[in-house]
PDB file of N, CA and C in Angstrom:
ATOM      1  N   MET A   1     -11.251   0.265  11.612  1.00  0.00           N
ATOM      2  CA  MET A   1     -10.429   0.172  10.485  1.00  0.00           C
ATOM      3  C   MET A   1     -10.657  -1.102   9.723  1.00  0.00           C
ATOM      4  N   ALA A   2     -11.258  -2.122  10.298  1.00  0.00           N
ATOM      5  CA  ALA A   2     -11.516  -3.343   9.595  1.00  0.00           C
ATOM      6  C   ALA A   2     -12.488  -3.096   8.443  1.00  0.00           C
ATOM      7  N   GLY A   3     -12.119  -3.671   7.281  1.00  0.00           N
ATOM      8  CA  GLY A   3     -13.007  -3.521   6.109  1.00  0.00           C
ATOM      9  C   GLY A   3     -12.737  -2.204   5.345  1.00  0.00           C
ATOM     10  N   SER A   4     -11.827  -1.428   5.772  1.00  0.00           N
ATOM     11  CA  SER A   4     -11.591  -0.136   5.052  1.00  0.00           C
ATOM     12  C   SER A   4     -10.561  -0.241   3.959  1.00  0.00           C
ATOM     13  N   TYR A   5      -9.900  -1.404   3.856  1.00  0.00           N
ATOM     14  CA  TYR A   5      -8.874  -1.582   2.791  1.00  0.00           C
ATOM     15  C   TYR A   5      -9.418  -2.425   1.682  1.00  0.00           C
ATOM     16  N   ARG A   6      -9.103  -2.057   0.464  1.00  0.00           N
ATOM     17  CA  ARG A   6      -9.572  -2.830  -0.694  1.00  0.00           C
ATOM     18  C   ARG A   6      -8.516  -3.772  -1.263  1.00  0.00           C
ATOM     19  N   GLY A   7      -7.270  -3.546  -0.935  1.00  0.00           N
ATOM     20  CA  GLY A   7      -6.243  -4.394  -1.453  1.00  0.00           C
ATOM     21  C   GLY A   7      -4.868  -4.203  -0.899  1.00  0.00           C
ATOM     22  N   LEU A   8      -4.066  -5.215  -0.974  1.00  0.00           N
ATOM     23  CA  LEU A   8      -2.697  -5.170  -0.520  1.00  0.00           C
ATOM     24  C   LEU A   8      -1.872  -6.023  -1.462  1.00  0.00           C
ATOM     25  N   ILE A   9      -0.794  -5.517  -1.973  1.00  0.00           N
ATOM     26  CA  ILE A   9       0.044  -6.249  -2.927  1.00  0.00           C
ATOM     27  C   ILE A   9       1.299  -6.614  -2.214  1.00  0.00           C
ATOM     28  N   LEU A  10       1.593  -7.917  -2.140  1.00  0.00           N
ATOM     29  CA  LEU A  10       2.840  -8.434  -1.581  1.00  0.00           C
ATOM     30  C   LEU A  10       3.538  -9.167  -2.676  1.00  0.00           C
ATOM     31  N   ASP A  11       4.805  -8.903  -2.900  1.00  0.00           N
ATOM     32  CA  ASP A  11       5.654  -9.592  -3.923  1.00  0.00           C
ATOM     33  C   ASP A  11       6.793 -10.228  -3.181  1.00  0.00           C
ATOM     34  N   PHE A  12       6.825 -11.526  -3.142  1.00  0.00           N
ATOM     35  CA  PHE A  12       7.898 -12.231  -2.442  1.00  0.00           C
ATOM     36  C   PHE A  12       8.988 -12.718  -3.365  1.00  0.00           C
ATOM     37  N   GLY A  13       9.536 -11.779  -4.190  1.00  0.00           N
ATOM     38  CA  GLY A  13      10.651 -12.128  -5.003  1.00  0.00           C
ATOM     39  C   GLY A  13      10.347 -12.432  -6.455  1.00  0.00           C
ATOM     40  N   GLY A  14       9.053 -12.394  -6.823  1.00  0.00           N
ATOM     41  CA  GLY A  14       8.677 -12.644  -8.206  1.00  0.00           C
ATOM     42  C   GLY A  14       8.886 -11.409  -9.029  1.00  0.00           C
ATOM     43  N   VAL A  15       8.529 -11.524 -10.273  1.00  0.00           N
ATOM     44  CA  VAL A  15       8.589 -10.367 -11.202  1.00  0.00           C
ATOM     45  C   VAL A  15       7.192  -9.843 -11.425  1.00  0.00           C
ATOM     46  N   LEU A  16       7.010  -8.551 -11.136  1.00  0.00           N
ATOM     47  CA  LEU A  16       5.707  -7.924 -11.395  1.00  0.00           C
ATOM     48  C   LEU A  16       5.605  -7.670 -12.884  1.00  0.00           C
ATOM     49  N   THR A  17       4.546  -8.137 -13.503  1.00  0.00           N
ATOM     50  CA  THR A  17       4.401  -7.985 -14.946  1.00  0.00           C
ATOM     51  C   THR A  17       3.303  -6.974 -15.294  1.00  0.00           C
ATOM     52  N   THR A  18       2.826  -6.251 -14.335  1.00  0.00           N
ATOM     53  CA  THR A  18       1.817  -5.240 -14.630  1.00  0.00           C
ATOM     54  C   THR A  18       2.380  -3.866 -14.371  1.00  0.00           C
ATOM     55  N   ARG A  19       1.701  -2.847 -14.853  1.00  0.00           N
ATOM     56  CA  ARG A  19       2.154  -1.498 -14.714  1.00  0.00           C
ATOM     57  C   ARG A  19       1.501  -0.935 -13.419  1.00  0.00           C
ATOM     58  N   MET A  20       2.288  -0.952 -12.345  1.00  0.00           N
ATOM     59  CA  MET A  20       1.770  -0.578 -11.068  1.00  0.00           C
ATOM     60  C   MET A  20       1.195   0.818 -10.963  1.00  0.00           C
ATOM     61  N   ARG A  21       1.864   1.805 -11.575  1.00  0.00           N
ATOM     62  CA  ARG A  21       1.368   3.168 -11.495  1.00  0.00           C
ATOM     63  C   ARG A  21       0.018   3.305 -12.180  1.00  0.00           C
ATOM     64  N   LEU A  22      -0.070   2.719 -13.406  1.00  0.00           N
ATOM     65  CA  LEU A  22      -1.332   2.769 -14.136  1.00  0.00           C
ATOM     66  C   LEU A  22      -2.446   2.025 -13.411  1.00  0.00           C
ATOM     67  N   ASN A  23      -2.101   0.906 -12.862  1.00  0.00           N
ATOM     68  CA  ASN A  23      -3.142   0.112 -12.118  1.00  0.00           C
ATOM     69  C   ASN A  23      -3.543   0.855 -10.872  1.00  0.00           C
ATOM     70  N   GLY A  24      -2.591   1.517 -10.182  1.00  0.00           N
ATOM     71  CA  GLY A  24      -2.923   2.348  -9.042  1.00  0.00           C
ATOM     72  C   GLY A  24      -3.863   3.518  -9.367  1.00  0.00           C
ATOM     73  N   GLU A  25      -3.611   4.147 -10.507  1.00  0.00           N
ATOM     74  CA  GLU A  25      -4.477   5.254 -10.926  1.00  0.00           C
ATOM     75  C   GLU A  25      -5.855   4.737 -11.293  1.00  0.00           C
ATOM     76  N   ALA A  26      -5.932   3.571 -11.929  1.00  0.00           N
ATOM     77  CA  ALA A  26      -7.236   2.985 -12.245  1.00  0.00           C
ATOM     78  C   ALA A  26      -7.989   2.623 -10.983  1.00  0.00           C
ATOM     79  N   PHE A  27      -7.294   2.070  -9.990  1.00  0.00           N
ATOM     80  CA  PHE A  27      -7.929   1.767  -8.689  1.00  0.00           C
ATOM     81  C   PHE A  27      -8.454   3.051  -8.026  1.00  0.00           C
ATOM     82  N   GLU A  28      -7.666   4.124  -8.059  1.00  0.00           N
ATOM     83  CA  GLU A  28      -8.129   5.403  -7.468  1.00  0.00           C
ATOM     84  C   GLU A  28      -9.427   5.863  -8.135  1.00  0.00           C
ATOM     85  N   ARG A  29      -9.482   5.797  -9.456  1.00  0.00           N
ATOM     86  CA  ARG A  29     -10.708   6.209 -10.195  1.00  0.00           C
ATOM     87  C   ARG A  29     -11.860   5.318  -9.776  1.00  0.00           C
ATOM     88  N   ALA A  30     -11.642   4.003  -9.781  1.00  0.00           N
ATOM     89  CA  ALA A  30     -12.733   3.059  -9.484  1.00  0.00           C
ATOM     90  C   ALA A  30     -13.271   3.200  -8.032  1.00  0.00           C
ATOM     91  N   ALA A  31     -12.362   3.559  -7.130  1.00  0.00           N
ATOM     92  CA  ALA A  31     -12.731   3.692  -5.708  1.00  0.00           C
ATOM     93  C   ALA A  31     -13.086   5.085  -5.314  1.00  0.00           C
ATOM     94  N   ASN A  32     -13.159   5.955  -6.351  1.00  0.00           N
ATOM     95  CA  ASN A  32     -13.469   7.406  -6.081  1.00  0.00           C
ATOM     96  C   ASN A  32     -12.527   8.056  -5.043  1.00  0.00           C
ATOM     97  N   LEU A  33     -11.215   7.726  -5.147  1.00  0.00           N
ATOM     98  CA  LEU A  33     -10.248   8.279  -4.244  1.00  0.00           C
ATOM     99  C   LEU A  33      -9.639   9.561  -4.882  1.00  0.00           C
ATOM    100  N   VAL A  34      -9.101  10.409  -4.014  1.00  0.00           N
ATOM    101  CA  VAL A  34      -8.404  11.566  -4.502  1.00  0.00           C
ATOM    102  C   VAL A  34      -7.110  11.091  -5.201  1.00  0.00           C
ATOM    103  N   PRO A  35      -6.737  11.693  -6.376  1.00  0.00           N
ATOM    104  CA  PRO A  35      -5.497  11.234  -7.016  1.00  0.00           C
ATOM    105  C   PRO A  35      -4.322  11.230  -6.064  1.00  0.00           C
ATOM    106  N   ALA A  36      -3.499  10.245  -6.200  1.00  0.00           N
ATOM    107  CA  ALA A  36      -2.273  10.014  -5.366  1.00  0.00           C
ATOM    108  C   ALA A  36      -2.650   9.539  -3.973  1.00  0.00           C
ATOM    109  N   GLU A  37      -3.908   9.077  -3.791  1.00  0.00           N
ATOM    110  CA  GLU A  37      -4.298   8.552  -2.458  1.00  0.00           C
ATOM    111  C   GLU A  37      -3.654   7.179  -2.185  1.00  0.00           C
ATOM    112  N   VAL A  38      -3.465   6.424  -3.237  1.00  0.00           N
ATOM    113  CA  VAL A  38      -2.857   5.072  -3.068  1.00  0.00           C
ATOM    114  C   VAL A  38      -1.427   5.265  -2.663  1.00  0.00           C
ATOM    115  N   LEU A  39      -0.995   4.431  -1.735  1.00  0.00           N
ATOM    116  CA  LEU A  39       0.400   4.514  -1.244  1.00  0.00           C
ATOM    117  C   LEU A  39       1.383   4.224  -2.369  1.00  0.00           C
ATOM    118  N   GLY A  40       2.541   4.800  -2.260  1.00  0.00           N
ATOM    119  CA  GLY A  40       3.615   4.467  -3.156  1.00  0.00           C
ATOM    120  C   GLY A  40       4.121   3.056  -2.852  1.00  0.00           C
ATOM    121  N   ILE A  41       4.917   2.565  -3.742  1.00  0.00           N
ATOM    122  CA  ILE A  41       5.429   1.195  -3.556  1.00  0.00           C
ATOM    123  C   ILE A  41       6.632   1.227  -2.686  1.00  0.00           C
ATOM    124  N   ARG A  42       6.621   0.332  -1.700  1.00  0.00           N
ATOM    125  CA  ARG A  42       7.805   0.193  -0.814  1.00  0.00           C
ATOM    126  C   ARG A  42       8.343  -1.207  -0.961  1.00  0.00           C
ATOM    127  N   THR A  43       9.644  -1.313  -0.867  1.00  0.00           N
ATOM    128  CA  THR A  43      10.202  -2.666  -1.044  1.00  0.00           C
ATOM    129  C   THR A  43      11.097  -3.027   0.136  1.00  0.00           C
ATOM    130  N   VAL A  44      11.119  -4.295   0.411  1.00  0.00           N
ATOM    131  CA  VAL A  44      12.051  -4.857   1.403  1.00  0.00           C
ATOM    132  C   VAL A  44      12.700  -6.037   0.701  1.00  0.00           C
ATOM    133  N   HIS A  45      13.972  -5.971   0.537  1.00  0.00           N
ATOM    134  CA  HIS A  45      14.678  -7.017  -0.224  1.00  0.00           C
ATOM    135  C   HIS A  45      15.188  -8.110   0.712  1.00  0.00           C
ATOM    136  N   HIS A  46      14.957  -9.311   0.352  1.00  0.00           N
ATOM    137  CA  HIS A  46      15.499 -10.534   1.013  1.00  0.00           C
ATOM    138  C   HIS A  46      15.088 -10.547   2.490  1.00  0.00           C
ATOM    139  N   THR A  47      13.891 -10.189   2.827  1.00  0.00           N
ATOM    140  CA  THR A  47      13.439 -10.234   4.183  1.00  0.00           C
ATOM    141  C   THR A  47      12.819 -11.627   4.464  1.00  0.00           C
ATOM    142  N   THR A  48      13.408 -12.366   5.336  1.00  0.00           N
ATOM    143  CA  THR A  48      12.856 -13.678   5.714  1.00  0.00           C
ATOM    144  C   THR A  48      12.385 -13.660   7.162  1.00  0.00           C
ATOM    145  N   ASP A  49      12.599 -12.575   7.867  1.00  0.00           N
ATOM    146  CA  ASP A  49      12.222 -12.465   9.271  1.00  0.00           C
ATOM    147  C   ASP A  49      10.734 -12.064   9.345  1.00  0.00           C
ATOM    148  N   PRO A  50       9.898 -12.926   9.876  1.00  0.00           N
ATOM    149  CA  PRO A  50       8.478 -12.619   9.935  1.00  0.00           C
ATOM    150  C   PRO A  50       8.149 -11.384  10.796  1.00  0.00           C
ATOM    151  N   THR A  51       8.964 -11.110  11.839  1.00  0.00           N
ATOM    152  CA  THR A  51       8.732  -9.910  12.643  1.00  0.00           C
ATOM    153  C   THR A  51       9.036  -8.660  11.833  1.00  0.00           C
ATOM    154  N   ALA A  52      10.107  -8.647  11.017  1.00  0.00           N
ATOM    155  CA  ALA A  52      10.382  -7.465  10.199  1.00  0.00           C
ATOM    156  C   ALA A  52       9.284  -7.271   9.175  1.00  0.00           C
ATOM    157  N   THR A  53       8.751  -8.341   8.585  1.00  0.00           N
ATOM    158  CA  THR A  53       7.675  -8.236   7.653  1.00  0.00           C
ATOM    159  C   THR A  53       6.428  -7.625   8.313  1.00  0.00           C
ATOM    160  N   ALA A  54       6.085  -8.098   9.498  1.00  0.00           N
ATOM    161  CA  ALA A  54       4.956  -7.592  10.274  1.00  0.00           C
ATOM    162  C   ALA A  54       5.126  -6.115  10.582  1.00  0.00           C
ATOM    163  N   ASN A  55       6.339  -5.747  10.975  1.00  0.00           N
ATOM    164  CA  ASN A  55       6.661  -4.310  11.259  1.00  0.00           C
ATOM    165  C   ASN A  55       6.445  -3.458  10.030  1.00  0.00           C
ATOM    166  N   LEU A  56       6.909  -3.935   8.863  1.00  0.00           N
ATOM    167  CA  LEU A  56       6.717  -3.210   7.628  1.00  0.00           C
ATOM    168  C   LEU A  56       5.248  -3.011   7.335  1.00  0.00           C
ATOM    169  N   LEU A  57       4.453  -4.059   7.436  1.00  0.00           N
ATOM    170  CA  LEU A  57       3.030  -3.950   7.159  1.00  0.00           C
ATOM    171  C   LEU A  57       2.362  -3.008   8.134  1.00  0.00           C
ATOM    172  N   ASP A  58       2.715  -3.060   9.444  1.00  0.00           N
ATOM    173  CA  ASP A  58       2.153  -2.141  10.416  1.00  0.00           C
ATOM    174  C   ASP A  58       2.447  -0.700  10.017  1.00  0.00           C
ATOM    175  N   SER A  59       3.697  -0.416   9.570  1.00  0.00           N
ATOM    176  CA  SER A  59       4.041   0.984   9.237  1.00  0.00           C
ATOM    177  C   SER A  59       3.290   1.394   8.013  1.00  0.00           C
ATOM    178  N   LEU A  60       3.051   0.480   7.025  1.00  0.00           N
ATOM    179  CA  LEU A  60       2.249   0.861   5.859  1.00  0.00           C
ATOM    180  C   LEU A  60       0.817   1.192   6.225  1.00  0.00           C
ATOM    181  N   LEU A  61       0.263   0.380   7.162  1.00  0.00           N
ATOM    182  CA  LEU A  61      -1.127   0.650   7.582  1.00  0.00           C
ATOM    183  C   LEU A  61      -1.246   1.959   8.304  1.00  0.00           C
ATOM    184  N   LEU A  62      -0.229   2.286   9.129  1.00  0.00           N
ATOM    185  CA  LEU A  62      -0.227   3.586   9.858  1.00  0.00           C
ATOM    186  C   LEU A  62      -0.135   4.749   8.902  1.00  0.00           C
ATOM    187  N   ILE A  63       0.731   4.625   7.882  1.00  0.00           N
ATOM    188  CA  ILE A  63       0.858   5.686   6.892  1.00  0.00           C
ATOM    189  C   ILE A  63      -0.450   5.839   6.124  1.00  0.00           C
ATOM    190  N   HIS A  64      -1.095   4.756   5.761  1.00  0.00           N
ATOM    191  CA  HIS A  64      -2.340   4.856   5.008  1.00  0.00           C
ATOM    192  C   HIS A  64      -3.424   5.452   5.883  1.00  0.00           C
ATOM    193  N   GLN A  65      -3.487   5.045   7.146  1.00  0.00           N
ATOM    194  CA  GLN A  65      -4.501   5.569   8.053  1.00  0.00           C
ATOM    195  C   GLN A  65      -4.342   7.096   8.217  1.00  0.00           C
ATOM    196  N   ALA A  66      -3.120   7.536   8.308  1.00  0.00           N
ATOM    197  CA  ALA A  66      -2.857   9.001   8.472  1.00  0.00           C
ATOM    198  C   ALA A  66      -3.083   9.757   7.177  1.00  0.00           C
ATOM    199  N   GLY A  67      -3.043   9.103   6.047  1.00  0.00           N
ATOM    200  CA  GLY A  67      -3.209   9.793   4.761  1.00  0.00           C
ATOM    201  C   GLY A  67      -1.884  10.216   4.165  1.00  0.00           C
ATOM    202  N   PRO A  68      -1.899  10.506   2.871  1.00  0.00           N
ATOM    203  CA  PRO A  68      -0.600  10.823   2.193  1.00  0.00           C
ATOM    204  C   PRO A  68       0.112  12.051   2.711  1.00  0.00           C
ATOM    205  N   THR A  69      -0.650  12.969   3.389  1.00  0.00           N
ATOM    206  CA  THR A  69       0.025  14.172   3.906  1.00  0.00           C
ATOM    207  C   THR A  69       0.412  14.041   5.365  1.00  0.00           C
ATOM    208  N   GLY A  70       0.033  12.898   5.967  1.00  0.00           N
ATOM    209  CA  GLY A  70       0.309  12.722   7.387  1.00  0.00           C
ATOM    210  C   GLY A  70      -0.809  13.203   8.322  1.00  0.00           C
ATOM    211  N   ALA A  71      -1.850  13.786   7.733  1.00  0.00           N
ATOM    212  CA  ALA A  71      -2.995  14.307   8.529  1.00  0.00           C
ATOM    213  C   ALA A  71      -3.876  13.118   8.856  1.00  0.00           C
ATOM    214  N   ASP A  72      -4.461  13.164  10.028  1.00  0.00           N
ATOM    215  CA  ASP A  72      -5.409  12.102  10.418  1.00  0.00           C
ATOM    216  C   ASP A  72      -6.630  12.164   9.556  1.00  0.00           C
ATOM    217  N   ARG A  73      -7.177  11.000   9.307  1.00  0.00           N
ATOM    218  CA  ARG A  73      -8.436  10.898   8.488  1.00  0.00           C
ATOM    219  C   ARG A  73      -9.627  10.991   9.410  1.00  0.00           C
ATOM    220  N   ASP A  74     -10.739  11.242   8.778  1.00  0.00           N
ATOM    221  CA  ASP A  74     -12.013  11.289   9.557  1.00  0.00           C
ATOM    222  C   ASP A  74     -12.432   9.888   9.948  1.00  0.00           C
TER     223      ASP A  74
END
Protein backbone atom coordinates (compact mmCIF):
# COMPACT_ATOMS: atom_id res chain seq x y z
CA MET A 1 0.00 0.00 0.00
CA ALA A 2 2.95 2.36 0.46
CA GLY A 3 3.21 4.84 -2.38
CA SER A 4 -0.27 4.14 -3.70
CA TYR A 5 -1.77 7.43 -2.46
CA ARG A 6 -1.30 10.72 -4.27
CA GLY A 7 -2.74 13.10 -1.71
CA LEU A 8 -4.50 13.64 1.57
CA ILE A 9 -6.24 16.85 2.57
CA LEU A 10 -6.44 17.73 6.24
CA ASP A 11 -8.15 20.93 7.38
CA PHE A 12 -7.60 21.81 11.00
CA GLY A 13 -10.23 24.51 11.35
CA GLY A 14 -9.30 26.82 8.52
CA VAL A 15 -11.49 27.91 5.65
CA LEU A 16 -11.17 25.96 2.41
CA THR A 17 -11.07 28.46 -0.44
CA THR A 18 -11.02 25.98 -3.30
CA ARG A 19 -13.80 24.07 -4.98
CA MET A 20 -13.25 20.59 -3.60
CA ARG A 21 -15.62 18.75 -5.97
CA LEU A 22 -14.11 20.36 -9.08
CA ASN A 23 -10.57 19.77 -7.82
CA GLY A 24 -11.45 16.14 -7.06
CA GLU A 25 -12.79 15.66 -10.57
CA ALA A 26 -9.65 17.24 -12.04
CA PHE A 27 -7.50 14.92 -9.91
CA GLU A 28 -9.48 11.90 -11.14
CA ARG A 29 -8.90 12.91 -14.76
CA ALA A 30 -5.18 13.60 -14.20
CA ALA A 31 -4.69 10.28 -12.38
CA ASN A 32 -6.78 8.31 -14.91
CA LEU A 33 -9.17 7.19 -12.17
CA VAL A 34 -12.72 6.03 -12.64
CA PRO A 35 -15.13 8.96 -12.01
CA ALA A 36 -16.14 9.18 -8.34
CA GLU A 37 -13.06 7.17 -7.33
CA VAL A 38 -11.87 9.93 -5.01
CA LEU A 39 -13.33 9.66 -1.54
CA GLY A 40 -16.02 12.02 -0.41
CA ILE A 41 -15.18 14.62 2.15
CA ARG A 42 -15.50 13.60 5.78
CA THR A 43 -15.32 16.01 8.65
CA VAL A 44 -14.53 15.75 12.32
CA HIS A 45 -15.32 18.91 14.23
CA HIS A 46 -13.23 20.08 17.17
CA THR A 47 -11.19 16.89 17.45
CA THR A 48 -8.13 17.44 19.61
CA ASP A 49 -7.63 13.80 20.57
CA PRO A 50 -4.73 12.38 18.52
CA THR A 51 -6.08 8.84 18.91
CA ALA A 52 -9.45 9.85 17.44
CA THR A 53 -7.67 11.56 14.54
CA ALA A 54 -5.56 8.45 13.88
CA ASN A 55 -8.68 6.26 13.98
CA LEU A 56 -10.42 8.52 11.45
CA LEU A 57 -7.43 8.38 9.09
CA ASP A 58 -7.25 4.59 9.44
CA SER A 59 -10.94 4.30 8.53
CA LEU A 60 -10.46 6.53 5.48
CA LEU A 61 -7.51 4.42 4.31
CA LEU A 62 -9.53 1.22 4.75
CA ILE A 63 -12.44 2.68 2.77
CA HIS A 64 -10.10 3.80 -0.01
CA GLN A 65 -8.35 0.44 -0.10
CA ALA A 66 -11.70 -1.34 -0.44
CA GLY A 67 -12.89 1.04 -3.13
CA PRO A 68 -16.01 3.17 -3.35
CA THR A 69 -18.30 0.13 -3.62
CA GLY A 70 -16.66 -1.76 -0.75
CA ALA A 71 -15.17 -4.38 -3.09
CA ASP A 72 -11.54 -5.30 -2.57
CA ARG A 73 -9.09 -3.88 -5.06
CA ASP A 74 -6.56 -5.83 -7.07
